[in-house]
Protein backbone atom coordinates (compact mmCIF):
# COMPACT_ATOMS: atom_id res chain seq x y z
CA MET A 1 -22.15 12.13 -10.44
CA THR A 2 -20.94 10.43 -13.56
CA GLN A 3 -23.35 7.84 -14.85
CA PRO A 4 -22.29 4.19 -14.50
CA ASN A 5 -22.15 3.52 -18.24
CA ALA A 6 -19.85 6.45 -18.78
CA VAL A 7 -17.65 5.25 -15.95
CA THR A 8 -17.52 1.80 -17.47
CA ASP A 9 -16.48 3.23 -20.85
CA MET A 10 -13.77 5.28 -19.14
CA ILE A 11 -12.44 2.20 -17.34
CA THR A 12 -12.43 0.11 -20.51
CA GLU A 13 -10.48 2.88 -22.39
CA ARG A 14 -7.87 3.13 -19.62
CA LEU A 15 -7.39 -0.56 -18.97
CA ALA A 16 -4.05 -1.84 -20.18
CA PRO A 17 -2.15 -5.09 -19.30
CA PHE A 18 0.04 -4.87 -16.25
CA PRO A 19 3.70 -4.34 -17.28
CA ARG A 20 5.04 -7.49 -15.49
CA PRO A 21 3.66 -10.98 -14.70
CA HIS A 22 3.63 -10.22 -10.95
CA PHE A 23 3.39 -7.10 -8.75
CA LEU A 24 6.08 -7.70 -6.10
CA SER A 25 7.70 -4.23 -5.75
CA SER A 26 7.19 -0.58 -6.59
CA GLY A 27 10.15 -1.10 -8.81
CA ASP A 28 7.91 -3.29 -11.11
CA LEU A 29 6.51 0.06 -12.28
CA ASN A 30 8.01 3.07 -13.99
CA ALA A 31 6.64 6.64 -14.00
CA GLN A 32 4.46 6.04 -17.09
CA THR A 33 3.00 2.64 -16.02
CA ALA A 34 2.37 4.07 -12.55
CA ARG A 35 0.46 7.02 -14.06
CA ASP A 36 -1.55 4.54 -16.25
CA LEU A 37 -2.52 2.56 -13.20
CA LEU A 38 -3.45 5.68 -11.19
CA ASP A 39 -5.65 6.91 -14.17
CA LEU A 40 -7.36 3.47 -14.16
CA ALA A 41 -7.77 3.66 -10.37
CA ASP A 42 -9.45 7.10 -10.75
CA GLY A 43 -12.11 5.36 -12.89
CA PHE A 44 -12.61 2.81 -10.21
CA VAL A 45 -13.06 5.55 -7.60
CA GLU A 46 -16.00 6.85 -9.67
CA LEU A 47 -17.42 3.37 -10.07
CA ASN A 48 -17.19 2.73 -6.29
CA ARG A 49 -19.06 5.97 -5.65
CA SER A 50 -21.87 5.10 -8.08
CA SER A 51 -25.01 3.08 -7.39
CA THR A 52 -23.68 0.12 -9.56
CA LYS A 53 -20.33 -0.95 -8.22
CA THR A 54 -19.70 -4.18 -10.05
CA LEU A 55 -18.21 -5.07 -13.41
CA ASP A 56 -17.47 -8.42 -15.20
CA LEU A 57 -13.88 -7.61 -16.18
CA MET A 58 -12.70 -10.70 -14.19
CA ARG A 59 -15.62 -13.01 -14.66
CA GLY A 60 -14.28 -16.57 -14.68
CA ARG A 61 -11.07 -15.58 -12.85
CA THR A 62 -10.15 -16.81 -9.38
CA VAL A 63 -8.33 -14.61 -6.93
CA MET A 64 -6.86 -16.37 -3.87
CA ASN A 65 -6.00 -14.30 -0.81
CA LEU A 66 -3.35 -15.90 1.40
CA PHE A 67 -2.51 -13.85 4.48
CA PHE A 68 0.05 -15.30 6.92
CA GLU A 69 -0.12 -12.05 8.96
CA ASN A 70 -3.16 -10.36 10.48
CA SER A 71 -4.79 -7.75 8.23
CA THR A 72 -8.02 -5.79 8.16
CA ARG A 73 -7.67 -3.08 5.52
CA THR A 74 -5.52 -4.81 3.03
CA SER A 75 -7.28 -8.22 3.14
CA ALA A 76 -10.78 -6.71 3.06
CA SER A 77 -9.95 -4.26 0.20
CA PHE A 78 -8.47 -6.96 -1.97
CA GLU A 79 -11.52 -9.14 -1.44
CA ILE A 80 -13.92 -6.31 -2.16
CA ALA A 81 -11.85 -5.23 -5.20
CA ALA A 82 -11.87 -8.80 -6.71
CA ARG A 83 -15.60 -9.26 -6.15
CA ARG A 84 -16.48 -5.89 -7.62
CA LEU A 85 -14.57 -6.96 -10.79
CA GLY A 86 -16.58 -10.11 -11.00
CA ALA A 87 -13.93 -12.65 -9.88
CA ASP A 88 -14.43 -15.68 -7.65
CA VAL A 89 -12.58 -15.06 -4.43
CA VAL A 90 -11.08 -17.53 -1.92
CA THR A 91 -9.66 -16.11 1.32
CA MET A 92 -7.42 -18.46 3.24
CA SER A 93 -6.23 -18.17 6.83
CA PRO A 94 -3.04 -20.12 7.53
CA ARG A 95 -4.19 -20.57 11.13
CA THR A 96 -6.98 -22.84 9.85
CA SER A 97 -5.01 -24.41 6.94
CA SER A 98 -2.32 -27.06 6.67
CA VAL A 99 0.28 -24.35 7.43
CA ALA A 100 -0.77 -24.70 11.12
CA LYS A 101 0.24 -28.34 10.79
CA GLY A 102 3.76 -27.56 9.75
CA GLU A 103 3.35 -27.38 5.89
CA THR A 104 6.16 -25.29 4.34
CA LEU A 105 5.51 -22.19 2.26
CA ILE A 106 6.71 -24.00 -0.93
CA ASP A 107 4.42 -27.03 -0.22
CA THR A 108 1.57 -24.61 0.26
CA ALA A 109 2.46 -22.98 -3.03
CA VAL A 110 2.47 -26.27 -4.85
CA THR A 111 -0.94 -27.18 -3.31
CA LEU A 112 -2.55 -23.82 -4.27
CA ASN A 113 -0.98 -23.99 -7.74
CA ALA A 114 -2.75 -27.30 -8.39
CA MET A 115 -6.07 -25.53 -7.76
CA LYS A 116 -5.28 -23.25 -10.80
CA PRO A 117 -5.94 -19.77 -9.28
CA ASP A 118 -5.35 -16.83 -11.63
CA ILE A 119 -4.02 -14.38 -9.10
CA LEU A 120 -2.57 -15.08 -5.67
CA VAL A 121 -2.42 -12.19 -3.19
CA VAL A 122 -0.03 -12.96 -0.39
CA ARG A 123 1.06 -11.37 2.84
CA HIS A 124 3.90 -12.95 4.80
CA GLY A 125 6.21 -12.06 7.67
CA ALA A 126 9.36 -13.01 5.78
CA SER A 127 10.96 -10.64 3.37
CA GLY A 128 11.09 -12.14 -0.12
CA ALA A 129 8.21 -14.65 0.47
CA ALA A 130 6.11 -13.18 -2.37
CA ASP A 131 9.01 -13.37 -4.75
CA LEU A 132 9.67 -17.03 -3.80
CA LEU A 133 5.98 -17.87 -4.34
CA SER A 134 6.04 -16.28 -7.72
CA GLN A 135 8.76 -18.63 -8.77
CA LYS A 136 6.75 -21.66 -7.70
CA VAL A 137 3.28 -21.00 -9.02
CA GLY A 138 1.87 -20.63 -12.52
CA CYS A 139 -0.36 -17.66 -11.65
CA ALA A 140 0.19 -13.96 -11.07
CA VAL A 141 1.36 -13.03 -7.60
CA VAL A 142 0.62 -9.74 -5.80
CA ASN A 143 2.75 -8.81 -2.80
CA ALA A 144 0.43 -7.62 -0.05
CA GLY A 145 3.36 -7.01 2.34
CA ASP A 146 6.45 -9.22 2.97
CA GLY A 147 8.30 -8.70 6.21
CA ARG A 148 10.22 -5.45 6.23
CA HIS A 149 10.60 -5.50 2.48
CA GLU A 150 7.76 -3.96 0.46
CA HIS A 151 4.04 -3.18 0.27
CA PRO A 152 3.58 -1.87 -3.26
CA THR A 153 -0.19 -1.65 -3.46
CA GLN A 154 -0.10 0.56 -0.30
CA ALA A 155 2.31 2.92 -2.05
CA LEU A 156 0.01 2.98 -5.07
CA LEU A 157 -3.05 3.86 -3.05
CA ASP A 158 -1.09 6.51 -1.11
CA MET A 159 -0.03 8.05 -4.49
CA LEU A 160 -3.66 7.95 -5.60
CA SER A 161 -4.72 9.79 -2.46
CA LEU A 162 -1.97 12.37 -2.93
CA ARG A 163 -2.71 12.92 -6.58
CA ARG A 164 -6.43 13.49 -5.89
CA ALA A 165 -5.60 15.88 -3.01
CA PHE A 166 -2.82 17.91 -4.65
CA GLY A 167 -3.08 17.17 -8.39
CA ASP A 168 0.65 17.52 -9.20
CA VAL A 169 2.83 15.36 -6.98
CA THR A 170 6.14 16.41 -8.54
CA SER A 171 6.34 19.54 -6.49
CA LEU A 172 5.50 17.91 -3.19
CA THR A 173 7.89 17.40 -0.22
CA VAL A 174 6.73 14.34 1.69
CA ALA A 175 8.04 13.46 5.17
CA ILE A 176 7.86 9.77 6.17
CA CYS A 177 8.04 9.77 9.98
CA GLY A 178 8.57 7.27 12.74
CA ASP A 179 9.53 3.58 12.64
CA VAL A 180 11.17 3.54 9.18
CA ALA A 181 13.48 0.63 10.01
CA HIS A 182 10.64 -1.89 10.29
CA SER A 183 8.34 -0.42 7.65
CA ARG A 184 7.72 -2.06 4.32
CA VAL A 185 5.34 0.83 3.58
CA ALA A 186 8.18 3.31 3.87
CA ARG A 187 10.31 1.37 1.40
CA SER A 188 7.60 1.12 -1.23
CA ASN A 189 6.57 4.71 -0.84
CA VAL A 190 10.15 6.01 -1.03
CA ALA A 191 10.53 4.18 -4.36
CA LEU A 192 7.28 5.25 -5.85
CA LEU A 193 7.33 8.85 -4.61
CA SER A 194 10.85 9.35 -5.92
CA MET A 195 9.90 7.75 -9.23
CA MET A 196 7.07 10.21 -9.63
CA GLY A 197 9.29 13.22 -8.89
CA ALA A 198 8.33 14.03 -5.28
CA ARG A 199 11.01 15.01 -2.74
CA VAL A 200 11.06 12.51 0.20
CA ARG A 201 12.41 12.93 3.75
CA LEU A 202 12.79 10.35 6.39
CA ILE A 203 12.35 11.45 10.01
CA GLY A 204 12.81 9.38 13.14
CA PRO A 205 15.03 8.53 16.09
CA PRO A 206 18.45 7.03 15.06
CA THR A 207 17.35 3.62 16.45
CA LEU A 208 14.41 3.46 14.04
CA VAL A 209 15.97 4.79 10.86
CA PRO A 210 18.07 2.25 8.84
CA GLY A 211 21.78 2.94 8.78
CA ASP A 212 21.78 2.90 5.00
CA ALA A 213 18.81 5.26 4.68
CA ASP A 214 21.01 8.04 3.28
CA ARG A 215 21.46 5.82 0.25
CA TRP A 216 17.75 5.67 -0.40
CA GLY A 217 17.84 9.01 -2.23
CA CYS A 218 16.16 10.80 0.72
CA GLU A 219 17.13 13.43 3.19
CA VAL A 220 17.34 11.99 6.71
CA PHE A 221 16.43 13.91 9.86
CA HIS A 222 16.49 12.96 13.51
CA ASP A 223 14.89 16.18 14.61
CA MET A 224 11.11 16.46 14.04
CA ARG A 225 10.99 20.29 13.84
CA GLU A 226 13.81 20.52 11.37
CA GLY A 227 12.55 17.61 9.30
CA LEU A 228 8.92 18.89 8.95
CA LYS A 229 10.00 22.41 7.95
CA GLY A 230 8.79 22.98 4.39
CA CYS A 231 6.81 19.72 4.02
CA ASP A 232 3.53 19.36 2.28
CA VAL A 233 2.65 15.90 3.48
CA VAL A 234 3.37 14.22 6.84
CA MET A 235 3.10 10.40 6.58
CA MET A 236 3.22 8.76 10.00
CA LEU A 237 4.25 5.17 10.43
CA ARG A 238 3.05 2.67 13.04
CA LEU A 239 5.48 1.84 15.80
CA GLN A 240 5.97 -1.89 15.06
CA LEU A 241 6.84 -3.21 18.49
CA GLU A 242 6.18 -6.77 17.32
CA ARG A 243 9.17 -6.58 14.86
CA MET A 244 11.58 -5.02 17.30
CA GLU A 245 14.37 -6.92 18.95
CA GLY A 246 15.16 -5.19 22.22
CA ALA A 247 14.03 -1.79 23.44
CA LEU A 248 14.53 0.73 20.65
CA VAL A 249 12.41 3.39 22.31
CA PRO A 250 12.37 4.30 26.02
CA SER A 251 8.51 4.18 26.27
CA THR A 252 5.50 4.88 24.15
CA ARG A 253 4.84 7.97 26.22
CA GLU A 254 8.32 9.32 25.57
CA TYR A 255 8.01 8.32 21.88
CA PHE A 256 4.84 10.41 21.48
CA ARG A 257 6.39 13.38 23.21
CA PHE A 258 9.25 13.54 20.71
CA TRP A 259 7.97 11.77 17.61
CA GLY A 260 4.18 11.62 17.84
CA LEU A 261 2.24 14.01 15.47
CA ASP A 262 0.09 16.55 17.25
CA ARG A 263 -1.14 20.04 16.35
CA GLU A 264 2.05 21.67 17.47
CA LYS A 265 4.34 19.49 15.36
CA LEU A 266 2.01 19.69 12.37
CA SER A 267 2.35 23.46 12.54
CA TRP A 268 6.05 23.07 11.72
CA ALA A 269 5.13 21.81 8.25
CA ASN A 270 3.82 24.03 5.43
CA PRO A 271 0.40 25.65 5.80
CA GLY A 272 -2.23 23.29 4.32
CA ALA A 273 0.00 20.27 4.86
CA LYS A 274 -1.86 16.95 4.76
CA VAL A 275 -1.51 13.98 7.13
CA MET A 276 -1.39 10.30 6.15
CA HIS A 277 -1.12 6.95 8.00
CA PRO A 278 -1.24 3.44 6.50
CA GLY A 279 -2.96 2.01 9.51
CA PRO A 280 -3.63 0.57 11.88
CA MET A 281 -3.02 3.62 14.04
CA ASN A 282 -1.68 3.59 17.58
CA ARG A 283 -3.46 6.66 18.79
CA GLY A 284 -1.49 8.67 21.32
CA VAL A 285 1.71 6.89 20.26
CA GLU A 286 2.55 8.00 16.74
CA ILE A 287 -0.42 10.30 16.12
CA ASP A 288 -2.91 12.30 18.16
CA SER A 289 -6.61 11.65 17.54
CA ASP A 290 -7.26 15.36 17.18
CA VAL A 291 -5.05 15.31 14.06
CA ALA A 292 -5.98 11.88 12.72
CA ASP A 293 -9.77 12.61 12.76
CA ASP A 294 -9.66 16.15 11.38
CA LEU A 295 -10.78 15.75 7.74
CA THR A 296 -9.48 19.18 6.87
CA VAL A 297 -5.93 17.89 7.27
CA SER A 298 -6.18 14.11 7.44
CA LEU A 299 -6.19 11.86 4.33
CA ILE A 300 -6.40 8.70 6.42
CA GLN A 301 -9.98 7.85 5.67
CA ASP A 302 -9.40 8.75 2.02
CA GLN A 303 -6.51 6.22 1.94
CA VAL A 304 -8.91 3.42 3.03
CA GLU A 305 -11.32 4.34 0.24
CA MET A 306 -8.51 4.57 -2.32
CA GLY A 307 -7.26 1.16 -1.26
CA VAL A 308 -10.17 -0.58 -2.95
CA ALA A 309 -9.82 1.42 -6.18
CA ALA A 310 -6.09 1.04 -6.37
CA ARG A 311 -6.28 -2.75 -5.89
CA MET A 312 -9.09 -3.00 -8.42
CA ALA A 313 -6.73 -1.36 -10.92
CA VAL A 314 -3.92 -3.82 -10.14
CA LEU A 315 -6.15 -6.88 -10.32
CA ALA A 316 -7.84 -5.71 -13.52
CA ALA A 317 -4.51 -4.94 -15.18
CA LEU A 318 -3.06 -8.27 -14.15
CA SER A 319 -6.18 -10.01 -15.49
CA ALA A 320 -5.85 -8.12 -18.78
CA ARG A 321 -2.25 -9.30 -19.06
CA LEU A 322 -3.45 -12.93 -18.46
CA ASP A 323 -6.02 -12.42 -21.22
CA GLY A 324 -3.27 -11.35 -23.57
CA ASP A 325 -1.01 -14.24 -22.61
CA ALA A 326 -3.84 -16.72 -23.28
CA ARG A 327 -4.24 -15.58 -26.91
């Protein structure tokens, strides 16, 4: 294992300011800045696997997590990431804040801004909420998921998992399968995967694939067997029943029969294909436990680990930009 001081030196060498004041969308990156962030995240993977997991890169900085939607992986990984970088962390739940009393998003932003945080990490059910907040506060804003719009740090951690599993991502064919219509993860991944040179396919029933998906620069399939043929990666999406208006699938049992990933369907992809899922998983709905828990094919646990490292890279790079702006 690499020694902690060598890891710290590697991280310091790779750390560069974030290219924009906020991280709201995968489109805030280009291929080179994405590679730079991934290289930095690789260093944080090594740090997180060492006996000494903390640095003081963000000492004196305050990171505020504001999650208007339930979250386990994203919220916890951002909090762990900030603490391991030496930042002070405040995690707020709107259910126990003034939002529960009717305070508007803008009023909340004004209130938080008066507390002078350095970075605000926000998840909200409305598309565009993170962008709106970025216009109302004086700190950096990270989009941790806004409605059906984007989830850029999820795309970054997925890319980190893929790069560590395959090395070269430019030759990969990635199938994003299931409830594409309601998925911010799908939108961010399509943008970043395409940017990095991967070939992307969207697979799902017509009711769950956006009508304009053919303009996303992807191939669109409504047949699982045909869509998985020749794929190196199968990324399953959660069936987001809470975002659906009306019955878009006949039943979860029927959905699994045609669209849920099991051993038979995985065999339609390339030999050695890897399986991903952003979580939380609906076992027996979009994915079979036998596939999800098989570490020879599944990158799902790896994605969770990479989430901390990728978010450390984002927070550290944004902090470095703030340091530069303060000079």
